[in-house]
Amino acid sequence: MPRPNWQISGRRNAEEEAEAQAWVEQVTQERFPPGRYEDALRDGIILCKLINKLMPGSIKRINTSGGDYKFMDNIQQFLHGCTRYGVADVDLFQSCDLIEQKNIVAVTMTLYALGRTTYMHPEWNGPHLGPKPAEENLRNFSEDVLRAGETMIGLQAGSNKGASQSGQNFGATRKILLGK
């Protein structure tokens, strides 16, 4: 039984979708067709064009007609392109999320993950989407500093000084009746 639209849209964020759409339009230099966001992305054509702009020539053939099977192929090509570009597998939506329009939030989050990954590619001079990912901040401590740290008990460990259960009384006491 299909879920009502209000249940699906309850999790969706129109601002994030609009921001993702604007980013895709800037990168591909093409406007979305009129209509709903998910309908414009459903055939995977725009997504394939997007990944081809980020990695030229990565998708050789984009299916522009042929029904759901061909559109699913477009989406799969886009997802493989995302992986090759550096997007983590956990950030990718499932192709059925878009084809069946069951989880548009996951599609938007994948676009954000792809937009964040563009920061990692110095050859990309175009727009980015989302915050810049944190970079590794490797620190090297001397042996003396490491040894000194082993002797200290940090405040995170807390203290059990004076801890006991005396004086605690939760609810009624248990009555044991003998001889019944």
N, C-alpha and C. Protein backbone atom coordinates (compact mmCIF):
# COMPACT_ATOMS: atom_id res chain seq x y z
N MET A 1 0.85 -1.18 0.00
CA MET A 1 0.00 0.00 0.00
C MET A 1 0.89 1.24 0.00
N PRO A 2 0.73 2.15 -0.95
CA PRO A 2 1.59 3.33 -1.00
C PRO A 2 1.35 4.26 0.17
N ARG A 3 2.43 4.89 0.61
CA ARG A 3 2.32 5.84 1.71
C ARG A 3 1.74 7.16 1.21
N PRO A 4 0.99 7.85 2.06
CA PRO A 4 0.49 9.17 1.65
C PRO A 4 1.65 10.14 1.46
N ASN A 5 1.47 11.13 0.59
CA ASN A 5 2.52 12.09 0.30
C ASN A 5 2.97 12.85 1.53
N TRP A 6 2.06 13.10 2.48
CA TRP A 6 2.45 13.87 3.66
C TRP A 6 3.47 13.12 4.49
N GLN A 7 3.44 11.78 4.47
CA GLN A 7 4.43 11.01 5.23
C GLN A 7 5.80 11.12 4.57
N ILE A 8 5.83 11.09 3.25
CA ILE A 8 7.09 11.18 2.54
C ILE A 8 7.65 12.59 2.68
N SER A 9 6.82 13.60 2.49
CA SER A 9 7.31 14.97 2.53
C SER A 9 7.63 15.43 3.94
N GLY A 10 7.20 14.70 4.94
CA GLY A 10 7.50 15.07 6.31
C GLY A 10 8.99 15.02 6.60
N ARG A 11 9.72 14.13 5.94
CA ARG A 11 11.15 14.01 6.16
C ARG A 11 11.94 14.86 5.18
N ARG A 12 11.34 15.22 4.10
CA ARG A 12 12.07 15.96 3.06
C ARG A 12 12.26 17.41 3.47
N ASN A 13 13.33 18.00 2.95
CA ASN A 13 13.64 19.38 3.24
C ASN A 13 13.66 20.14 1.91
N ALA A 14 12.68 20.99 1.70
CA ALA A 14 12.54 21.70 0.43
C ALA A 14 13.75 22.60 0.16
N GLU A 15 14.31 23.18 1.22
CA GLU A 15 15.48 24.06 1.03
C GLU A 15 16.69 23.28 0.53
N GLU A 16 16.91 22.10 1.11
CA GLU A 16 18.04 21.28 0.66
C GLU A 16 17.84 20.81 -0.77
N GLU A 17 16.61 20.43 -1.12
CA GLU A 17 16.33 20.01 -2.48
C GLU A 17 16.56 21.16 -3.46
N ALA A 18 16.13 22.35 -3.09
CA ALA A 18 16.31 23.52 -3.96
C ALA A 18 17.79 23.85 -4.11
N GLU A 19 18.54 23.73 -3.01
CA GLU A 19 19.98 23.99 -3.08
C GLU A 19 20.70 22.95 -3.94
N ALA A 20 20.31 21.69 -3.79
CA ALA A 20 20.90 20.62 -4.61
C ALA A 20 20.55 20.83 -6.08
N GLN A 21 19.31 21.20 -6.36
CA GLN A 21 18.89 21.45 -7.73
C GLN A 21 19.68 22.61 -8.33
N ALA A 22 19.83 23.68 -7.58
CA ALA A 22 20.58 24.84 -8.07
C ALA A 22 22.03 24.46 -8.37
N TRP A 23 22.62 23.62 -7.51
CA TRP A 23 24.00 23.19 -7.73
C TRP A 23 24.11 22.36 -9.00
N VAL A 24 23.18 21.40 -9.18
CA VAL A 24 23.20 20.56 -10.37
C VAL A 24 23.04 21.42 -11.62
N GLU A 25 22.14 22.39 -11.56
CA GLU A 25 21.92 23.28 -12.72
C GLU A 25 23.17 24.10 -13.02
N GLN A 26 23.88 24.55 -11.98
CA GLN A 26 25.11 25.32 -12.20
C GLN A 26 26.20 24.46 -12.84
N VAL A 27 26.34 23.24 -12.34
CA VAL A 27 27.39 22.36 -12.85
C VAL A 27 27.09 21.93 -14.28
N THR A 28 25.86 21.48 -14.53
CA THR A 28 25.52 20.99 -15.86
C THR A 28 25.22 22.11 -16.84
N GLN A 29 24.97 23.30 -16.33
CA GLN A 29 24.59 24.47 -17.13
C GLN A 29 23.31 24.21 -17.92
N GLU A 30 22.42 23.44 -17.30
CA GLU A 30 21.10 23.15 -17.87
C GLU A 30 20.05 23.31 -16.78
N ARG A 31 18.91 23.84 -17.15
CA ARG A 31 17.80 24.01 -16.20
C ARG A 31 17.03 22.70 -16.08
N PHE A 32 16.49 22.45 -14.89
CA PHE A 32 15.60 21.30 -14.70
C PHE A 32 14.33 21.55 -15.50
N PRO A 33 13.73 20.50 -16.04
CA PRO A 33 12.44 20.70 -16.70
C PRO A 33 11.38 21.10 -15.68
N PRO A 34 10.34 21.80 -16.12
CA PRO A 34 9.30 22.18 -15.16
C PRO A 34 8.66 20.94 -14.53
N GLY A 35 8.29 21.07 -13.28
CA GLY A 35 7.67 19.95 -12.57
C GLY A 35 8.38 19.70 -11.26
N ARG A 36 8.15 18.51 -10.74
CA ARG A 36 8.70 18.16 -9.44
C ARG A 36 10.17 17.76 -9.54
N TYR A 37 10.88 18.02 -8.48
CA TYR A 37 12.31 17.72 -8.36
C TYR A 37 12.60 16.24 -8.65
N GLU A 38 11.84 15.36 -8.01
CA GLU A 38 12.08 13.92 -8.17
C GLU A 38 11.74 13.43 -9.57
N ASP A 39 10.76 14.06 -10.23
CA ASP A 39 10.41 13.67 -11.59
C ASP A 39 11.53 14.05 -12.57
N ALA A 40 12.18 15.18 -12.32
CA ALA A 40 13.27 15.61 -13.20
C ALA A 40 14.48 14.69 -13.09
N LEU A 41 14.70 14.11 -11.92
CA LEU A 41 15.85 13.25 -11.70
C LEU A 41 15.57 11.78 -12.02
N ARG A 42 14.32 11.40 -12.09
CA ARG A 42 13.91 10.00 -12.15
C ARG A 42 14.54 9.21 -13.30
N ASP A 43 14.68 9.81 -14.47
CA ASP A 43 15.23 9.06 -15.61
C ASP A 43 16.75 8.96 -15.58
N GLY A 44 17.41 9.68 -14.68
CA GLY A 44 18.86 9.58 -14.53
C GLY A 44 19.67 10.35 -15.55
N ILE A 45 19.01 10.99 -16.51
CA ILE A 45 19.74 11.71 -17.56
C ILE A 45 20.51 12.88 -16.96
N ILE A 46 19.85 13.67 -16.14
CA ILE A 46 20.51 14.83 -15.51
C ILE A 46 21.67 14.36 -14.63
N LEU A 47 21.48 13.25 -13.92
CA LEU A 47 22.53 12.73 -13.05
C LEU A 47 23.75 12.29 -13.85
N CYS A 48 23.51 11.66 -15.00
CA CYS A 48 24.62 11.23 -15.86
C CYS A 48 25.37 12.45 -16.41
N LYS A 49 24.64 13.47 -16.79
CA LYS A 49 25.27 14.69 -17.28
C LYS A 49 26.10 15.34 -16.17
N LEU A 50 25.60 15.27 -14.95
CA LEU A 50 26.31 15.84 -13.81
C LEU A 50 27.65 15.14 -13.60
N ILE A 51 27.64 13.82 -13.58
CA ILE A 51 28.89 13.09 -13.33
C ILE A 51 29.84 13.26 -14.50
N ASN A 52 29.31 13.43 -15.73
CA ASN A 52 30.17 13.67 -16.89
C ASN A 52 30.83 15.05 -16.83
N LYS A 53 30.18 16.01 -16.20
CA LYS A 53 30.80 17.33 -16.02
C LYS A 53 31.91 17.26 -14.99
N LEU A 54 31.70 16.46 -13.93
CA LEU A 54 32.71 16.33 -12.89
C LEU A 54 33.89 15.47 -13.33
N MET A 55 33.60 14.41 -14.07
CA MET A 55 34.63 13.50 -14.62
C MET A 55 34.33 13.32 -16.11
N PRO A 56 34.82 14.19 -16.95
CA PRO A 56 34.49 14.13 -18.38
C PRO A 56 34.75 12.76 -18.98
N GLY A 57 33.74 12.28 -19.73
CA GLY A 57 33.86 11.01 -20.43
C GLY A 57 33.64 9.78 -19.58
N SER A 58 33.20 9.93 -18.35
CA SER A 58 33.05 8.76 -17.49
C SER A 58 31.83 7.92 -17.86
N ILE A 59 30.80 8.54 -18.42
CA ILE A 59 29.63 7.78 -18.89
C ILE A 59 29.57 7.96 -20.39
N LYS A 60 29.80 6.88 -21.10
CA LYS A 60 29.89 6.94 -22.56
C LYS A 60 28.54 7.10 -23.23
N ARG A 61 27.53 6.37 -22.72
CA ARG A 61 26.22 6.37 -23.39
C ARG A 61 25.13 6.62 -22.36
N ILE A 62 24.38 7.69 -22.56
CA ILE A 62 23.25 8.02 -21.69
C ILE A 62 21.98 7.63 -22.41
N ASN A 63 21.16 6.81 -21.76
CA ASN A 63 19.89 6.37 -22.35
C ASN A 63 18.84 7.47 -22.22
N THR A 64 18.35 7.96 -23.35
CA THR A 64 17.36 9.03 -23.31
C THR A 64 15.93 8.52 -23.50
N SER A 65 15.79 7.26 -23.87
CA SER A 65 14.46 6.66 -24.00
C SER A 65 14.58 5.17 -23.73
N GLY A 66 13.44 4.51 -23.60
CA GLY A 66 13.48 3.07 -23.43
C GLY A 66 12.81 2.57 -22.17
N GLY A 67 12.26 3.44 -21.37
CA GLY A 67 11.52 2.99 -20.20
C GLY A 67 12.37 2.83 -18.96
N ASP A 68 11.74 2.27 -17.93
CA ASP A 68 12.36 2.18 -16.61
C ASP A 68 13.66 1.38 -16.59
N TYR A 69 13.75 0.34 -17.41
CA TYR A 69 14.96 -0.47 -17.43
C TYR A 69 16.16 0.38 -17.87
N LYS A 70 15.99 1.16 -18.91
CA LYS A 70 17.07 2.03 -19.40
C LYS A 70 17.38 3.14 -18.41
N PHE A 71 16.33 3.67 -17.77
CA PHE A 71 16.54 4.73 -16.79
C PHE A 71 17.29 4.20 -15.57
N MET A 72 16.98 2.96 -15.20
CA MET A 72 17.69 2.31 -14.09
C MET A 72 19.16 2.17 -14.44
N ASP A 73 19.45 1.88 -15.71
CA ASP A 73 20.84 1.79 -16.16
C ASP A 73 21.54 3.14 -16.01
N ASN A 74 20.85 4.23 -16.37
CA ASN A 74 21.42 5.57 -16.18
C ASN A 74 21.78 5.81 -14.72
N ILE A 75 20.86 5.46 -13.85
CA ILE A 75 21.07 5.69 -12.41
C ILE A 75 22.25 4.85 -11.91
N GLN A 76 22.33 3.61 -12.36
CA GLN A 76 23.45 2.74 -11.96
C GLN A 76 24.78 3.31 -12.45
N GLN A 77 24.79 3.83 -13.68
CA GLN A 77 26.02 4.44 -14.20
C GLN A 77 26.41 5.65 -13.36
N PHE A 78 25.42 6.45 -12.97
CA PHE A 78 25.69 7.61 -12.12
C PHE A 78 26.27 7.17 -10.79
N LEU A 79 25.68 6.15 -10.16
CA LEU A 79 26.16 5.68 -8.86
C LEU A 79 27.58 5.12 -8.96
N HIS A 80 27.89 4.39 -10.04
CA HIS A 80 29.25 3.90 -10.23
C HIS A 80 30.22 5.06 -10.44
N GLY A 81 29.77 6.08 -11.16
CA GLY A 81 30.58 7.27 -11.36
C GLY A 81 30.87 7.98 -10.05
N CYS A 82 29.87 8.04 -9.19
CA CYS A 82 30.05 8.65 -7.86
C CYS A 82 31.12 7.91 -7.07
N THR A 83 31.07 6.59 -7.12
CA THR A 83 32.05 5.78 -6.40
C THR A 83 33.45 6.04 -6.94
N ARG A 84 33.58 6.06 -8.27
CA ARG A 84 34.89 6.33 -8.88
C ARG A 84 35.38 7.74 -8.53
N TYR A 85 34.46 8.67 -8.35
CA TYR A 85 34.82 10.05 -8.03
C TYR A 85 35.27 10.20 -6.58
N GLY A 86 34.87 9.26 -5.73
CA GLY A 86 35.31 9.28 -4.34
C GLY A 86 34.21 9.35 -3.30
N VAL A 87 32.95 9.26 -3.72
CA VAL A 87 31.85 9.27 -2.77
C VAL A 87 31.80 7.90 -2.09
N ALA A 88 31.67 7.89 -0.78
CA ALA A 88 31.62 6.64 -0.02
C ALA A 88 30.34 5.87 -0.34
N ASP A 89 30.43 4.55 -0.30
CA ASP A 89 29.27 3.69 -0.59
C ASP A 89 28.09 3.99 0.32
N VAL A 90 28.37 4.33 1.57
CA VAL A 90 27.29 4.57 2.52
C VAL A 90 26.50 5.83 2.18
N ASP A 91 27.08 6.70 1.37
CA ASP A 91 26.41 7.95 1.00
C ASP A 91 25.57 7.82 -0.27
N LEU A 92 25.56 6.65 -0.89
CA LEU A 92 24.83 6.46 -2.15
C LEU A 92 23.41 5.95 -1.89
N PHE A 93 22.46 6.45 -2.68
CA PHE A 93 21.10 5.94 -2.60
C PHE A 93 20.99 4.67 -3.42
N GLN A 94 19.93 3.93 -3.23
CA GLN A 94 19.65 2.76 -4.04
C GLN A 94 18.86 3.20 -5.27
N SER A 95 19.07 2.57 -6.40
CA SER A 95 18.40 3.02 -7.63
C SER A 95 16.87 2.96 -7.49
N CYS A 96 16.35 2.01 -6.72
CA CYS A 96 14.90 1.92 -6.54
C CYS A 96 14.37 3.10 -5.72
N ASP A 97 15.23 3.73 -4.90
CA ASP A 97 14.81 4.91 -4.14
C ASP A 97 14.34 6.02 -5.07
N LEU A 98 14.99 6.14 -6.22
CA LEU A 98 14.63 7.19 -7.16
C LEU A 98 13.60 6.71 -8.18
N ILE A 99 13.78 5.54 -8.73
CA ILE A 99 12.84 5.03 -9.75
C ILE A 99 11.43 4.92 -9.17
N GLU A 100 11.33 4.36 -7.97
CA GLU A 100 10.02 4.20 -7.33
C GLU A 100 9.64 5.42 -6.48
N GLN A 101 10.55 6.37 -6.39
CA GLN A 101 10.36 7.62 -5.63
C GLN A 101 9.95 7.34 -4.18
N LYS A 102 10.65 6.39 -3.57
CA LYS A 102 10.35 6.02 -2.19
C LYS A 102 11.20 6.78 -1.18
N ASN A 103 12.42 7.15 -1.58
CA ASN A 103 13.32 7.80 -0.63
C ASN A 103 14.09 8.91 -1.33
N ILE A 104 13.42 10.00 -1.59
CA ILE A 104 14.02 11.13 -2.28
C ILE A 104 15.05 11.82 -1.38
N VAL A 105 14.88 11.69 -0.07
CA VAL A 105 15.84 12.26 0.86
C VAL A 105 17.22 11.65 0.62
N ALA A 106 17.29 10.34 0.40
CA ALA A 106 18.57 9.67 0.14
C ALA A 106 19.19 10.17 -1.16
N VAL A 107 18.38 10.46 -2.15
CA VAL A 107 18.88 11.00 -3.42
C VAL A 107 19.52 12.37 -3.18
N THR A 108 18.84 13.21 -2.43
CA THR A 108 19.37 14.55 -2.12
C THR A 108 20.65 14.44 -1.31
N MET A 109 20.71 13.52 -0.36
CA MET A 109 21.91 13.35 0.45
C MET A 109 23.08 12.85 -0.40
N THR A 110 22.81 12.04 -1.41
CA THR A 110 23.86 11.60 -2.32
C THR A 110 24.40 12.78 -3.11
N LEU A 111 23.51 13.66 -3.56
CA LEU A 111 23.96 14.86 -4.28
C LEU A 111 24.83 15.73 -3.37
N TYR A 112 24.45 15.85 -2.10
CA TYR A 112 25.28 16.60 -1.15
C TYR A 112 26.63 15.93 -0.96
N ALA A 113 26.66 14.61 -0.86
CA ALA A 113 27.93 13.89 -0.69
C ALA A 113 28.81 14.10 -1.92
N LEU A 114 28.21 14.08 -3.10
CA LEU A 114 28.96 14.32 -4.33
C LEU A 114 29.48 15.76 -4.35
N GLY A 115 28.64 16.70 -3.93
CA GLY A 115 29.06 18.10 -3.88
C GLY A 115 30.20 18.33 -2.90
N ARG A 116 30.19 17.61 -1.76
CA ARG A 116 31.28 17.73 -0.80
C ARG A 116 32.56 17.11 -1.34
N THR A 117 32.42 16.04 -2.11
CA THR A 117 33.58 15.36 -2.65
C THR A 117 34.32 16.24 -3.66
N THR A 118 33.64 17.19 -4.28
CA THR A 118 34.31 18.08 -5.24
C THR A 118 35.41 18.88 -4.58
N TYR A 119 35.32 19.12 -3.26
CA TYR A 119 36.39 19.82 -2.55
C TYR A 119 37.70 19.04 -2.61
N MET A 120 37.61 17.72 -2.70
CA MET A 120 38.80 16.87 -2.70
C MET A 120 39.50 16.83 -4.06
N HIS A 121 38.89 17.43 -5.07
CA HIS A 121 39.43 17.40 -6.42
C HIS A 121 39.93 18.80 -6.79
N PRO A 122 41.23 19.03 -6.69
CA PRO A 122 41.75 20.37 -7.00
C PRO A 122 41.54 20.78 -8.45
N GLU A 123 41.35 19.81 -9.34
CA GLU A 123 41.12 20.13 -10.75
C GLU A 123 39.73 20.72 -10.99
N TRP A 124 38.83 20.56 -10.01
CA TRP A 124 37.46 21.08 -10.15
C TRP A 124 37.43 22.55 -9.74
N ASN A 125 37.08 23.41 -10.69
CA ASN A 125 37.01 24.84 -10.43
C ASN A 125 35.59 25.35 -10.29
N GLY A 126 34.62 24.46 -10.42
CA GLY A 126 33.22 24.86 -10.38
C GLY A 126 32.68 24.99 -8.97
N PRO A 127 31.37 25.13 -8.86
CA PRO A 127 30.75 25.31 -7.54
C PRO A 127 30.78 24.01 -6.72
N HIS A 128 30.68 24.18 -5.42
CA HIS A 128 30.63 23.05 -4.49
C HIS A 128 29.27 23.06 -3.80
N LEU A 129 28.91 21.94 -3.19
CA LEU A 129 27.65 21.83 -2.47
C LEU A 129 27.93 21.30 -1.08
N GLY A 130 27.47 22.02 -0.09
CA GLY A 130 27.65 21.58 1.29
C GLY A 130 28.97 22.05 1.87
N PRO A 131 29.19 21.74 3.14
CA PRO A 131 30.42 22.19 3.82
C PRO A 131 31.64 21.41 3.35
N LYS A 132 32.79 22.05 3.47
CA LYS A 132 34.04 21.39 3.10
C LYS A 132 34.34 20.31 4.13
N PRO A 133 34.69 19.09 3.68
CA PRO A 133 35.01 18.02 4.64
C PRO A 133 36.26 18.34 5.44
N ALA A 134 36.31 17.84 6.64
CA ALA A 134 37.47 18.04 7.50
C ALA A 134 38.67 17.28 6.94
N GLU A 135 39.83 17.86 7.12
CA GLU A 135 41.06 17.21 6.68
C GLU A 135 41.76 16.61 7.89
N GLU A 136 42.61 15.65 7.62
CA GLU A 136 43.33 14.98 8.70
C GLU A 136 44.25 15.96 9.40
N ASN A 137 44.26 15.91 10.72
CA ASN A 137 45.12 16.77 11.53
C ASN A 137 46.01 15.87 12.37
N LEU A 138 47.03 15.31 11.74
CA LEU A 138 47.90 14.35 12.39
C LEU A 138 48.85 15.08 13.33
N ARG A 139 48.99 14.55 14.55
CA ARG A 139 49.88 15.15 15.55
C ARG A 139 50.89 14.12 16.00
N ASN A 140 52.10 14.58 16.19
CA ASN A 140 53.18 13.70 16.65
C ASN A 140 53.65 14.20 18.01
N PHE A 141 53.49 13.35 19.02
CA PHE A 141 53.92 13.69 20.36
C PHE A 141 55.20 12.92 20.69
N SER A 142 56.05 13.53 21.48
CA SER A 142 57.28 12.85 21.90
C SER A 142 56.93 11.77 22.92
N GLU A 143 57.89 10.87 23.14
CA GLU A 143 57.68 9.77 24.10
C GLU A 143 57.45 10.32 25.51
N ASP A 144 58.13 11.41 25.87
CA ASP A 144 57.97 11.99 27.21
C ASP A 144 56.54 12.48 27.42
N VAL A 145 55.99 13.13 26.43
CA VAL A 145 54.62 13.65 26.53
C VAL A 145 53.62 12.50 26.61
N LEU A 146 53.84 11.46 25.81
CA LEU A 146 52.94 10.30 25.84
C LEU A 146 53.00 9.61 27.20
N ARG A 147 54.22 9.45 27.77
CA ARG A 147 54.36 8.81 29.07
C ARG A 147 53.71 9.65 30.17
N ALA A 148 53.84 10.96 30.09
CA ALA A 148 53.24 11.84 31.09
C ALA A 148 51.71 11.74 31.04
N GLY A 149 51.17 11.55 29.87
CA GLY A 149 49.71 11.43 29.73
C GLY A 149 49.17 10.15 30.32
N GLU A 150 49.99 9.10 30.38
CA GLU A 150 49.54 7.82 30.95
C GLU A 150 49.37 7.88 32.46
N THR A 151 50.06 8.79 33.11
CA THR A 151 49.99 8.86 34.57
C THR A 151 48.83 9.71 35.07
N MET A 152 48.23 10.47 34.22
CA MET A 152 47.15 11.36 34.64
C MET A 152 45.79 10.70 34.45
N ILE A 153 44.90 10.96 35.38
CA ILE A 153 43.52 10.54 35.25
C ILE A 153 42.74 11.77 34.85
N GLY A 154 42.22 11.76 33.66
CA GLY A 154 41.51 12.92 33.16
C GLY A 154 40.18 13.11 33.84
N LEU A 155 39.64 14.29 33.72
CA LEU A 155 38.33 14.57 34.30
C LEU A 155 37.22 13.78 33.61
N GLN A 156 37.50 13.30 32.40
CA GLN A 156 36.49 12.52 31.70
C GLN A 156 36.21 11.21 32.41
N ALA A 157 37.20 10.72 33.17
CA ALA A 157 37.01 9.46 33.88
C ALA A 157 36.02 9.62 35.03
N GLY A 158 35.85 10.86 35.50
CA GLY A 158 34.92 11.10 36.59
C GLY A 158 35.50 10.70 37.93
N SER A 159 34.67 10.67 38.91
CA SER A 159 35.13 10.32 40.26
C SER A 159 34.01 9.57 40.94
N ASN A 160 34.39 8.57 41.73
CA ASN A 160 33.37 7.87 42.52
C ASN A 160 33.54 8.16 44.00
N LYS A 161 34.21 9.26 44.31
CA LYS A 161 34.46 9.65 45.69
C LYS A 161 33.13 9.85 46.41
N GLY A 162 32.94 9.11 47.45
CA GLY A 162 31.73 9.26 48.25
C GLY A 162 30.48 8.66 47.63
N ALA A 163 30.63 7.88 46.59
CA ALA A 163 29.46 7.32 45.93
C ALA A 163 28.95 6.11 46.70
N SER A 164 27.69 6.11 47.00
CA SER A 164 27.06 4.93 47.63
C SER A 164 25.57 5.02 47.32
N GLN A 165 24.87 3.96 47.69
CA GLN A 165 23.43 3.95 47.47
C GLN A 165 22.66 4.23 48.74
N SER A 166 23.35 4.67 49.74
CA SER A 166 22.66 4.95 50.99
C SER A 166 21.72 6.14 50.82
N GLY A 167 20.58 6.04 51.41
CA GLY A 167 19.60 7.13 51.34
C GLY A 167 18.71 7.08 50.13
N GLN A 168 18.95 6.12 49.24
CA GLN A 168 18.08 6.03 48.07
C GLN A 168 16.86 5.21 48.42
N ASN A 169 15.70 5.71 48.05
CA ASN A 169 14.46 5.03 48.33
C ASN A 169 13.55 5.22 47.12
N PHE A 170 13.45 4.20 46.31
CA PHE A 170 12.60 4.27 45.12
C PHE A 170 11.34 3.46 45.35
N GLY A 171 10.23 4.09 45.39
CA GLY A 171 8.96 3.39 45.51
C GLY A 171 8.77 2.75 46.88
N ALA A 172 7.82 1.88 46.95
CA ALA A 172 7.50 1.21 48.22
C ALA A 172 8.52 0.10 48.46
N THR A 173 8.76 -0.16 49.72
CA THR A 173 9.68 -1.23 50.08
C THR A 173 9.00 -2.57 49.90
N ARG A 174 9.79 -3.60 49.75
CA ARG A 174 9.25 -4.94 49.54
C ARG A 174 8.90 -5.56 50.87
N LYS A 175 7.71 -6.07 50.97
CA LYS A 175 7.27 -6.69 52.22
C LYS A 175 7.29 -8.21 52.03
N ILE A 176 7.95 -8.87 52.96
CA ILE A 176 8.01 -10.33 52.91
C ILE A 176 7.08 -10.86 54.00
N LEU A 177 6.10 -11.61 53.59
CA LEU A 177 5.13 -12.16 54.54
C LEU A 177 5.43 -13.65 54.74
N LEU A 178 5.72 -14.01 55.98
CA LEU A 178 6.03 -15.38 56.27
C LEU A 178 4.79 -16.11 56.83
N GLY A 179 4.69 -17.35 56.56
CA GLY A 179 3.65 -18.16 57.16
C GLY A 179 2.33 -18.13 56.42
N LYS A 180 2.25 -17.63 55.28
CA LYS A 180 0.98 -17.63 54.55
C LYS A 180 0.89 -18.71 53.58
